[in-house]
PDB file of N, CA and C in Angstrom:
ATOM      1  N   MET A   1     -31.646 -33.257   3.404  1.00  0.00           N
ATOM      2  CA  MET A   1     -31.005 -32.384   3.634  1.00  0.00           C
ATOM      3  C   MET A   1     -29.550 -32.172   3.669  1.00  0.00           C
ATOM      4  N   VAL A   2     -28.984 -31.148   3.280  1.00  0.00           N
ATOM      5  CA  VAL A   2     -27.692 -30.739   3.245  1.00  0.00           C
ATOM      6  C   VAL A   2     -27.029 -29.931   4.294  1.00  0.00           C
ATOM      7  N   LYS A   3     -26.410 -30.162   5.339  1.00  0.00           N
ATOM      8  CA  LYS A   3     -25.948 -29.030   6.670  1.00  0.00           C
ATOM      9  C   LYS A   3     -25.311 -28.062   5.659  1.00  0.00           C
ATOM     10  N   ARG A   4     -25.781 -26.929   6.352  1.00  0.00           N
ATOM     11  CA  ARG A   4     -25.296 -25.750   5.985  1.00  0.00           C
ATOM     12  C   ARG A   4     -23.573 -24.975   6.633  1.00  0.00           C
ATOM     13  N   THR A   5     -22.781 -24.633   5.745  1.00  0.00           N
ATOM     14  CA  THR A   5     -21.577 -24.642   6.492  1.00  0.00           C
ATOM     15  C   THR A   5     -21.855 -22.814   7.363  1.00  0.00           C
ATOM     16  N   HIS A   6     -20.853 -22.604   8.174  1.00  0.00           N
ATOM     17  CA  HIS A   6     -21.018 -21.274   9.132  1.00  0.00           C
ATOM     18  C   HIS A   6     -19.259 -20.738   9.185  1.00  0.00           C
ATOM     19  N   GLY A   7     -18.592 -21.039   8.145  1.00  0.00           N
ATOM     20  CA  GLY A   7     -17.077 -20.766   7.916  1.00  0.00           C
ATOM     21  C   GLY A   7     -16.768 -19.435   8.469  1.00  0.00           C
ATOM     22  N   TYR A   8     -15.469 -19.184   8.517  1.00  0.00           N
ATOM     23  CA  TYR A   8     -14.903 -17.665   8.957  1.00  0.00           C
ATOM     24  C   TYR A   8     -15.408 -16.634   7.879  1.00  0.00           C
ATOM     25  N   ARG A   9     -15.636 -17.173   6.616  1.00  0.00           N
ATOM     26  CA  ARG A   9     -16.233 -16.012   5.732  1.00  0.00           C
ATOM     27  C   ARG A   9     -17.625 -15.926   5.345  1.00  0.00           C
ATOM     28  N   TYR A  10     -18.709 -16.776   6.865  1.00  0.00           N
ATOM     29  CA  TYR A  10     -19.743 -16.701   6.041  1.00  0.00           C
ATOM     30  C   TYR A  10     -20.509 -15.514   6.391  1.00  0.00           C
ATOM     31  N   LYS A  11     -21.683 -15.587   5.473  1.00  0.00           N
ATOM     32  CA  LYS A  11     -21.915 -14.564   5.444  1.00  0.00           C
ATOM     33  C   LYS A  11     -21.299 -12.644   4.542  1.00  0.00           C
ATOM     34  N   THR A  12     -20.006 -12.710   4.209  1.00  0.00           N
ATOM     35  CA  THR A  12     -19.420 -11.546   3.830  1.00  0.00           C
ATOM     36  C   THR A  12     -19.687 -11.298   2.435  1.00  0.00           C
ATOM     37  N   ARG A  13     -20.797 -11.755   1.604  1.00  0.00           N
ATOM     38  CA  ARG A  13     -20.351 -11.528   0.816  1.00  0.00           C
ATOM     39  C   ARG A  13     -20.914 -10.383   0.162  1.00  0.00           C
ATOM     40  N   LYS A  14     -21.424  -9.059   0.236  1.00  0.00           N
ATOM     41  CA  LYS A  14     -21.965  -7.698   0.870  1.00  0.00           C
ATOM     42  C   LYS A  14     -20.716  -7.135   1.499  1.00  0.00           C
ATOM     43  N   LEU A  15     -20.228  -7.684   2.378  1.00  0.00           N
ATOM     44  CA  LEU A  15     -19.179  -6.744   3.295  1.00  0.00           C
ATOM     45  C   LEU A  15     -17.686  -6.718   3.162  1.00  0.00           C
ATOM     46  N   LEU A  16     -17.520  -7.854   2.096  1.00  0.00           N
ATOM     47  CA  LEU A  16     -16.009  -8.141   1.954  1.00  0.00           C
ATOM     48  C   LEU A  16     -15.769  -7.700  -0.176  1.00  0.00           C
ATOM     49  N   ARG A  17     -16.858  -6.876  -0.299  1.00  0.00           N
ATOM     50  CA  ARG A  17     -16.550  -6.942  -1.744  1.00  0.00           C
ATOM     51  C   ARG A  17     -16.210  -5.276  -1.936  1.00  0.00           C
ATOM     52  N   LYS A  18     -15.507  -5.630  -3.186  1.00  0.00           N
ATOM     53  CA  LYS A  18     -14.369  -4.175  -4.228  1.00  0.00           C
ATOM     54  C   LYS A  18     -16.096  -3.783  -4.675  1.00  0.00           C
ATOM     55  N   LYS A  19     -16.027  -2.475  -4.878  1.00  0.00           N
ATOM     56  CA  LYS A  19     -17.007  -1.273  -5.820  1.00  0.00           C
ATOM     57  C   LYS A  19     -15.775  -1.588  -7.241  1.00  0.00           C
ATOM     58  N   PRO A  20     -16.117  -1.887  -8.402  1.00  0.00           N
ATOM     59  CA  PRO A  20     -15.443  -1.780  -9.885  1.00  0.00           C
ATOM     60  C   PRO A  20     -14.071  -0.555  -9.929  1.00  0.00           C
ATOM     61  N   ARG A  21     -14.447   0.256  -8.933  1.00  0.00           N
ATOM     62  CA  ARG A  21     -13.283   1.381  -8.980  1.00  0.00           C
ATOM     63  C   ARG A  21     -12.289   1.148  -8.025  1.00  0.00           C
ATOM     64  N   GLU A  22     -12.717   0.614  -7.099  1.00  0.00           N
ATOM     65  CA  GLU A  22     -11.516   0.166  -5.873  1.00  0.00           C
ATOM     66  C   GLU A  22     -10.798  -1.008  -6.063  1.00  0.00           C
ATOM     67  N   LYS A  23     -11.485  -1.748  -7.228  1.00  0.00           N
ATOM     68  CA  LYS A  23     -10.617  -3.233  -7.562  1.00  0.00           C
ATOM     69  C   LYS A  23      -9.038  -3.191  -7.710  1.00  0.00           C
ATOM     70  N   GLY A  24      -8.142  -4.280  -7.265  1.00  0.00           N
ATOM     71  CA  GLY A  24      -6.871  -3.919  -7.176  1.00  0.00           C
ATOM     72  C   GLY A  24      -6.113  -3.784  -6.071  1.00  0.00           C
ATOM     73  N   LEU A  25      -5.303  -3.325  -6.334  1.00  0.00           N
ATOM     74  CA  LEU A  25      -4.546  -3.270  -4.745  1.00  0.00           C
ATOM     75  C   LEU A  25      -4.653  -1.679  -4.203  1.00  0.00           C
ATOM     76  N   SER A  26      -4.633  -1.485  -2.829  1.00  0.00           N
ATOM     77  CA  SER A  26      -4.986  -0.168  -2.606  1.00  0.00           C
ATOM     78  C   SER A  26      -3.833   0.604  -2.632  1.00  0.00           C
ATOM     79  N   GLY A  27      -4.020   1.556  -2.992  1.00  0.00           N
ATOM     80  CA  GLY A  27      -2.894   2.763  -2.704  1.00  0.00           C
ATOM     81  C   GLY A  27      -1.525   2.681  -2.166  1.00  0.00           C
ATOM     82  N   LEU A  28      -0.638   3.256  -1.927  1.00  0.00           N
ATOM     83  CA  LEU A  28       0.978   3.286  -1.180  1.00  0.00           C
ATOM     84  C   LEU A  28       0.282   3.574   0.085  1.00  0.00           C
ATOM     85  N   SER A  29       0.092   4.976   0.184  1.00  0.00           N
ATOM     86  CA  SER A  29       0.239   5.603   1.369  1.00  0.00           C
ATOM     87  C   SER A  29      -0.900   4.619   2.535  1.00  0.00           C
ATOM     88  N   ARG A  30      -1.303   3.909   2.042  1.00  0.00           N
ATOM     89  CA  ARG A  30      -2.360   2.943   3.271  1.00  0.00           C
ATOM     90  C   ARG A  30      -1.177   1.777   3.942  1.00  0.00           C
ATOM     91  N   LEU A  31      -0.466   1.633   2.665  1.00  0.00           N
ATOM     92  CA  LEU A  31       0.779   0.491   3.431  1.00  0.00           C
ATOM     93  C   LEU A  31       1.671   1.241   3.966  1.00  0.00           C
ATOM     94  N   LEU A  32       2.111   2.157   3.852  1.00  0.00           N
ATOM     95  CA  LEU A  32       3.207   2.765   3.916  1.00  0.00           C
ATOM     96  C   LEU A  32       3.295   3.553   5.778  1.00  0.00           C
ATOM     97  N   TYR A  33       1.393   4.051   5.754  1.00  0.00           N
ATOM     98  CA  TYR A  33       1.783   4.916   7.377  1.00  0.00           C
ATOM     99  C   TYR A  33       2.266   4.116   8.072  1.00  0.00           C
ATOM    100  N   GLU A  34       2.688   4.929   9.039  1.00  0.00           N
ATOM    101  CA  GLU A  34       3.653   4.400  10.328  1.00  0.00           C
ATOM    102  C   GLU A  34       2.521   4.379  11.345  1.00  0.00           C
ATOM    103  N   TYR A  35       1.607   3.446  12.279  1.00  0.00           N
ATOM    104  CA  TYR A  35       1.067   3.330  13.373  1.00  0.00           C
ATOM    105  C   TYR A  35       2.196   3.669  14.468  1.00  0.00           C
ATOM    106  N   LYS A  36       2.073   4.041  15.877  1.00  0.00           N
ATOM    107  CA  LYS A  36       2.669   4.554  16.841  1.00  0.00           C
ATOM    108  C   LYS A  36       1.349   3.764  18.141  1.00  0.00           C
ATOM    109  N   VAL A  37       2.180   3.045  19.287  1.00  0.00           N
ATOM    110  CA  VAL A  37       1.838   2.773  20.207  1.00  0.00           C
ATOM    111  C   VAL A  37       0.574   4.353  20.987  1.00  0.00           C
ATOM    112  N   GLY A  38      -0.404   3.663  20.849  1.00  0.00           N
ATOM    113  CA  GLY A  38      -1.604   4.758  21.020  1.00  0.00           C
ATOM    114  C   GLY A  38      -2.349   4.994  20.487  1.00  0.00           C
ATOM    115  N   ASP A  39      -2.149   5.317  18.814  1.00  0.00           N
ATOM    116  CA  ASP A  39      -2.886   5.462  17.890  1.00  0.00           C
ATOM    117  C   ASP A  39      -4.350   4.826  17.633  1.00  0.00           C
ATOM    118  N   LYS A  40      -5.577   6.202  17.308  1.00  0.00           N
ATOM    119  CA  LYS A  40      -6.641   5.167  17.036  1.00  0.00           C
ATOM    120  C   LYS A  40      -6.617   4.621  15.560  1.00  0.00           C
ATOM    121  N   VAL A  41      -7.445   3.661  15.458  1.00  0.00           N
ATOM    122  CA  VAL A  41      -7.542   3.029  13.602  1.00  0.00           C
ATOM    123  C   VAL A  41      -9.077   2.551  13.588  1.00  0.00           C
ATOM    124  N   ILE A  42      -8.986   2.354  12.506  1.00  0.00           N
ATOM    125  CA  ILE A  42     -10.462   1.788  11.725  1.00  0.00           C
ATOM    126  C   ILE A  42     -10.203   0.335  11.455  1.00  0.00           C
ATOM    127  N   ILE A  43     -10.545  -0.443  11.402  1.00  0.00           N
ATOM    128  CA  ILE A  43     -10.251  -1.516  11.273  1.00  0.00           C
ATOM    129  C   ILE A  43     -11.536  -1.585   9.816  1.00  0.00           C
ATOM    130  N   ASP A  44     -10.909  -1.922   8.634  1.00  0.00           N
ATOM    131  CA  ASP A  44     -11.068  -1.850   7.487  1.00  0.00           C
ATOM    132  C   ASP A  44     -10.794  -2.571   6.382  1.00  0.00           C
ATOM    133  N   ILE A  45     -11.476  -3.985   6.437  1.00  0.00           N
ATOM    134  CA  ILE A  45     -11.226  -5.311   5.943  1.00  0.00           C
ATOM    135  C   ILE A  45     -11.276  -5.252   4.629  1.00  0.00           C
ATOM    136  N   ASP A  46      -9.342  -4.997   3.629  1.00  0.00           N
ATOM    137  CA  ASP A  46      -9.465  -5.121   2.483  1.00  0.00           C
ATOM    138  C   ASP A  46      -9.569  -7.065   1.820  1.00  0.00           C
ATOM    139  N   SER A  47     -10.163  -7.069   0.916  1.00  0.00           N
ATOM    140  CA  SER A  47     -10.553  -8.944   0.718  1.00  0.00           C
ATOM    141  C   SER A  47      -9.629  -9.187  -0.024  1.00  0.00           C
ATOM    142  N   THR A  48      -8.686  -8.494  -0.530  1.00  0.00           N
ATOM    143  CA  THR A  48      -7.172  -8.543  -1.163  1.00  0.00           C
ATOM    144  C   THR A  48      -6.575  -9.718  -0.729  1.00  0.00           C
ATOM    145  N   PHE A  49      -6.800  -9.424   0.894  1.00  0.00           N
ATOM    146  CA  PHE A  49      -5.708 -10.169   1.543  1.00  0.00           C
ATOM    147  C   PHE A  49      -5.976 -11.022   2.345  1.00  0.00           C
ATOM    148  N   ILE A  50      -6.331 -11.913   2.361  1.00  0.00           N
ATOM    149  CA  ILE A  50      -7.743 -12.858   2.835  1.00  0.00           C
ATOM    150  C   ILE A  50      -6.887 -13.722   4.471  1.00  0.00           C
ATOM    151  N   SER A  51      -5.556 -13.839   3.989  1.00  0.00           N
ATOM    152  CA  SER A  51      -4.829 -14.349   5.542  1.00  0.00           C
ATOM    153  C   SER A  51      -4.726 -13.359   6.850  1.00  0.00           C
ATOM    154  N   THR A  52      -4.667 -12.234   6.646  1.00  0.00           N
ATOM    155  CA  THR A  52      -4.250 -11.716   7.814  1.00  0.00           C
ATOM    156  C   THR A  52      -5.539 -10.939   7.654  1.00  0.00           C
ATOM    157  N   ALA A  53      -7.063 -10.780   7.411  1.00  0.00           N
ATOM    158  CA  ALA A  53      -7.388 -10.223   7.668  1.00  0.00           C
ATOM    159  C   ALA A  53      -8.239 -10.445   8.838  1.00  0.00           C
ATOM    160  N   PRO A  54      -8.803  -9.592   9.641  1.00  0.00           N
ATOM    161  CA  PRO A  54      -9.303 -10.013  10.895  1.00  0.00           C
ATOM    162  C   PRO A  54     -10.727 -10.494  10.475  1.00  0.00           C
ATOM    163  N   HIS A  55     -11.293 -11.090  11.594  1.00  0.00           N
ATOM    164  CA  HIS A  55     -13.159 -11.635  11.029  1.00  0.00           C
ATOM    165  C   HIS A  55     -14.060 -10.456  10.598  1.00  0.00           C
ATOM    166  N   ARG A  56     -14.725 -11.136  10.385  1.00  0.00           N
ATOM    167  CA  ARG A  56     -15.974  -9.640   9.993  1.00  0.00           C
ATOM    168  C   ARG A  56     -16.935  -8.792  10.761  1.00  0.00           C
ATOM    169  N   ARG A  57     -16.698  -9.492  12.282  1.00  0.00           N
ATOM    170  CA  ARG A  57     -17.295  -8.553  13.107  1.00  0.00           C
ATOM    171  C   ARG A  57     -16.893  -7.393  13.486  1.00  0.00           C
ATOM    172  N   TYR A  58     -15.392  -7.316  12.914  1.00  0.00           N
ATOM    173  CA  TYR A  58     -14.530  -6.447  13.534  1.00  0.00           C
ATOM    174  C   TYR A  58     -14.834  -5.090  12.127  1.00  0.00           C
ATOM    175  N   GLN A  59     -14.984  -5.516  11.091  1.00  0.00           N
ATOM    176  CA  GLN A  59     -15.134  -4.545   9.836  1.00  0.00           C
ATOM    177  C   GLN A  59     -16.409  -2.879  10.561  1.00  0.00           C
ATOM    178  N   GLY A  60     -15.128  -1.916  10.952  1.00  0.00           N
ATOM    179  CA  GLY A  60     -15.540  -0.871  10.906  1.00  0.00           C
ATOM    180  C   GLY A  60     -15.222  -0.621  12.618  1.00  0.00           C
ATOM    181  N   LYS A  61     -14.719  -1.097  13.200  1.00  0.00           N
ATOM    182  CA  LYS A  61     -14.494  -0.849  15.139  1.00  0.00           C
ATOM    183  C   LYS A  61     -13.256  -0.075  14.722  1.00  0.00           C
ATOM    184  N   VAL A  62     -13.501   0.886  15.927  1.00  0.00           N
ATOM    185  CA  VAL A  62     -12.514   1.473  16.032  1.00  0.00           C
ATOM    186  C   VAL A  62     -11.558   1.133  17.163  1.00  0.00           C
ATOM    187  N   GLY A  63     -10.176   0.858  17.359  1.00  0.00           N
ATOM    188  CA  GLY A  63      -9.380   0.639  17.902  1.00  0.00           C
ATOM    189  C   GLY A  63      -8.126   1.063  18.396  1.00  0.00           C
ATOM    190  N   THR A  64      -6.994   0.980  19.318  1.00  0.00           N
ATOM    191  CA  THR A  64      -5.998   1.387  19.651  1.00  0.00           C
ATOM    192  C   THR A  64      -4.658   0.586  19.535  1.00  0.00           C
ATOM    193  N   VAL A  65      -3.934   1.150  18.956  1.00  0.00           N
ATOM    194  CA  VAL A  65      -2.566   0.645  18.718  1.00  0.00           C
ATOM    195  C   VAL A  65      -2.041   0.105  19.831  1.00  0.00           C
ATOM    196  N   VAL A  66      -1.557  -1.406  20.218  1.00  0.00           N
ATOM    197  CA  VAL A  66      -1.463  -1.082  21.680  1.00  0.00           C
ATOM    198  C   VAL A  66       0.196  -1.982  21.616  1.00  0.00           C
ATOM    199  N   GLY A  67       0.848  -2.186  20.344  1.00  0.00           N
ATOM    200  CA  GLY A  67       1.992  -3.012  19.821  1.00  0.00           C
ATOM    201  C   GLY A  67       1.999  -3.789  18.618  1.00  0.00           C
ATOM    202  N   MET A  68       3.382  -3.855  17.887  1.00  0.00           N
ATOM    203  CA  MET A  68       3.885  -4.677  16.974  1.00  0.00           C
ATOM    204  C   MET A  68       4.352  -6.408  17.248  1.00  0.00           C
ATOM    205  N   ARG A  69       4.149  -6.582  16.034  1.00  0.00           N
ATOM    206  CA  ARG A  69       3.984  -8.194  16.022  1.00  0.00           C
ATOM    207  C   ARG A  69       4.668  -8.584  14.975  1.00  0.00           C
ATOM    208  N   GLY A  70       5.972  -8.210  14.390  1.00  0.00           N
ATOM    209  CA  GLY A  70       6.633  -8.320  13.356  1.00  0.00           C
ATOM    210  C   GLY A  70       6.204  -7.400  12.289  1.00  0.00           C
ATOM    211  N   ARG A  71       5.932  -7.321  11.113  1.00  0.00           N
ATOM    212  CA  ARG A  71       5.380  -6.290  10.734  1.00  0.00           C
ATOM    213  C   ARG A  71       3.704  -6.430  10.630  1.00  0.00           C
ATOM    214  N   ALA A  72       3.151  -7.079  11.844  1.00  0.00           N
ATOM    215  CA  ALA A  72       1.739  -7.240  12.076  1.00  0.00           C
ATOM    216  C   ALA A  72       1.317  -5.906  13.350  1.00  0.00           C
ATOM    217  N   TYR A  73       0.426  -5.493  13.548  1.00  0.00           N
ATOM    218  CA  TYR A  73      -0.367  -4.331  14.348  1.00  0.00           C
ATOM    219  C   TYR A  73      -0.956  -5.158  15.420  1.00  0.00           C
ATOM    220  N   VAL A  74      -0.830  -5.002  16.785  1.00  0.00           N
ATOM    221  CA  VAL A  74      -1.664  -5.571  17.570  1.00  0.00           C
ATOM    222  C   VAL A  74      -2.476  -4.210  18.197  1.00  0.00           C
ATOM    223  N   ILE A  75      -3.908  -5.128  17.742  1.00  0.00           N
ATOM    224  CA  ILE A  75      -5.017  -3.707  18.198  1.00  0.00           C
ATOM    225  C   ILE A  75      -6.082  -4.108  19.199  1.00  0.00           C
ATOM    226  N   GLU A  76      -6.239  -3.376  20.175  1.00  0.00           N
ATOM    227  CA  GLU A  76      -7.239  -3.624  21.520  1.00  0.00           C
ATOM    228  C   GLU A  76      -8.497  -2.569  20.417  1.00  0.00           C
ATOM    229  N   THR A  77     -10.071  -3.699  21.042  1.00  0.00           N
ATOM    230  CA  THR A  77     -10.857  -3.071  20.789  1.00  0.00           C
ATOM    231  C   THR A  77     -11.725  -3.110  21.332  1.00  0.00           C
ATOM    232  N   PHE A  78     -13.044  -2.893  21.773  1.00  0.00           N
ATOM    233  CA  PHE A  78     -13.932  -3.629  22.428  1.00  0.00           C
ATOM    234  C   PHE A  78     -15.150  -3.814  21.195  1.00  0.00           C
ATOM    235  N   LEU A  79     -15.388  -5.198  21.872  1.00  0.00           N
ATOM    236  CA  LEU A  79     -17.210  -5.782  21.252  1.00  0.00           C
ATOM    237  C   LEU A  79     -17.742  -5.803  22.302  1.00  0.00           C
ATOM    238  N   GLY A  80     -18.750  -4.755  22.806  1.00  0.00           N
ATOM    239  CA  GLY A  80     -19.842  -4.477  23.725  1.00  0.00           C
ATOM    240  C   GLY A  80     -19.131  -4.043  24.433  1.00  0.00           C
ATOM    241  N   ASP A  81     -18.837  -5.031  25.874  1.00  0.00           N
ATOM    242  CA  ASP A  81     -18.132  -4.044  26.632  1.00  0.00           C
ATOM    243  C   ASP A  81     -17.089  -5.421  27.434  1.00  0.00           C
ATOM    244  N   LYS A  82     -16.705  -6.122  26.214  1.00  0.00           N
ATOM    245  CA  LYS A  82     -15.275  -7.025  26.275  1.00  0.00           C
ATOM    246  C   LYS A  82     -14.203  -6.623  25.470  1.00  0.00           C
ATOM    247  N   LYS A  83     -13.012  -6.780  26.057  1.00  0.00           N
ATOM    248  CA  LYS A  83     -11.812  -5.892  25.401  1.00  0.00           C
ATOM    249  C   LYS A  83     -11.284  -7.200  24.555  1.00  0.00           C
ATOM    250  N   LYS A  84     -11.000  -6.326  23.415  1.00  0.00           N
ATOM    251  CA  LYS A  84     -10.762  -7.888  22.223  1.00  0.00           C
ATOM    252  C   LYS A  84      -9.245  -7.124  21.418  1.00  0.00           C
ATOM    253  N   ILE A  85      -8.067  -8.356  21.608  1.00  0.00           N
ATOM    254  CA  ILE A  85      -6.914  -8.367  21.273  1.00  0.00           C
ATOM    255  C   ILE A  85      -6.913  -8.478  19.731  1.00  0.00           C
ATOM    256  N   ILE A  86      -6.681  -7.903  18.518  1.00  0.00           N
ATOM    257  CA  ILE A  86      -6.910  -8.299  17.241  1.00  0.00           C
ATOM    258  C   ILE A  86      -5.057  -8.039  16.635  1.00  0.00           C
ATOM    259  N   ILE A  87      -4.480  -9.299  15.940  1.00  0.00           N
ATOM    260  CA  ILE A  87      -3.494  -8.838  15.484  1.00  0.00           C
ATOM    261  C   ILE A  87      -3.928  -8.910  14.099  1.00  0.00           C
ATOM    262  N   THR A  88      -3.278  -7.871  13.133  1.00  0.00           N
ATOM    263  CA  THR A  88      -3.797  -7.650  11.329  1.00  0.00           C
ATOM    264  C   THR A  88      -2.111  -7.064  11.080  1.00  0.00           C
ATOM    265  N   THR A  89      -2.254  -7.163   9.605  1.00  0.00           N
ATOM    266  CA  THR A  89      -1.655  -5.678   9.204  1.00  0.00           C
ATOM    267  C   THR A  89      -1.823  -4.943   8.595  1.00  0.00           C
ATOM    268  N   PRO A  90      -0.866  -3.808   8.176  1.00  0.00           N
ATOM    269  CA  PRO A  90      -1.384  -2.183   7.919  1.00  0.00           C
ATOM    270  C   PRO A  90      -2.878  -2.322   6.427  1.00  0.00           C
ATOM    271  N   GLU A  91      -2.670  -3.552   5.957  1.00  0.00           N
ATOM    272  CA  GLU A  91      -3.486  -3.354   4.911  1.00  0.00           C
ATOM    273  C   GLU A  91      -4.858  -3.322   5.301  1.00  0.00           C
ATOM    274  N   HIS A  92      -5.482  -3.428   6.515  1.00  0.00           N
ATOM    275  CA  HIS A  92      -6.754  -3.710   6.858  1.00  0.00           C
ATOM    276  C   HIS A  92      -6.833  -2.808   7.910  1.00  0.00           C
ATOM    277  N   LEU A  93      -5.938  -1.745   8.031  1.00  0.00           N
ATOM    278  CA  LEU A  93      -6.251  -0.713   8.923  1.00  0.00           C
ATOM    279  C   LEU A  93      -6.178   0.758   8.184  1.00  0.00           C
ATOM    280  N   LYS A  94      -6.686   1.790   9.094  1.00  0.00           N
ATOM    281  CA  LYS A  94      -7.210   3.084   8.452  1.00  0.00           C
ATOM    282  C   LYS A  94      -6.752   3.694   9.451  1.00  0.00           C
ATOM    283  N   PRO A  95      -6.253   5.070   9.689  1.00  0.00           N
ATOM    284  CA  PRO A  95      -6.128   6.373  10.661  1.00  0.00           C
ATOM    285  C   PRO A  95      -7.400   7.035  10.773  1.00  0.00           C
ATOM    286  N   TYR A  96      -7.465   6.778  12.343  1.00  0.00           N
ATOM    287  CA  TYR A  96      -9.109   7.502  12.561  1.00  0.00           C
ATOM    288  C   TYR A  96      -9.024   8.887  12.954  1.00  0.00           C
ATOM    289  N   GLN A  97      -9.606   9.280  12.050  1.00  0.00           N
ATOM    290  CA  GLN A  97      -9.583  11.131  11.930  1.00  0.00           C
ATOM    291  C   GLN A  97     -10.581  12.075  13.056  1.00  0.00           C
ATOM    292  N   GLY A  98     -11.560  11.196  13.668  1.00  0.00           N
ATOM    293  CA  GLY A  98     -12.389  11.679  14.302  1.00  0.00           C
ATOM    294  C   GLY A  98     -12.350  12.336  15.695  1.00  0.00           C
ATOM    295  N   GLY A  99     -12.796  13.247  16.500  1.00  0.00           N
ATOM    296  CA  GLY A  99     -12.612  14.009  17.167  1.00  0.00           C
ATOM    297  C   GLY A  99     -12.821  13.398  18.514  1.00  0.00           C
ATOM    298  N   SER A 100     -11.645  14.059  19.433  1.00  0.00           N
ATOM    299  CA  SER A 100     -11.464  13.268  20.833  1.00  0.00           C
ATOM    300  C   SER A 100     -11.436  11.720  20.703  1.00  0.00           C
TER     301      SER A 100
END
């Protein structure tokens, strides 16, 4: 028996796949959007940029921008009732449009 690996991108084949019409780089508007401290964002992993991608467990989570670190944003989100800090670049963020 060969031991099964459980790496960082384990079980992400469906989650991080791009649809045929989405392939390639995403639009400039997503990269040029400026987030301010206190803005709510959705973590939407772009599989084109692997090195700055947060863990797959945060895909789709809503968080709050609490600061910047270089060109990356520091995002505070909750996993259950635990507060988590994620540092990621704007390629993996979308502005949150929901009410309240």
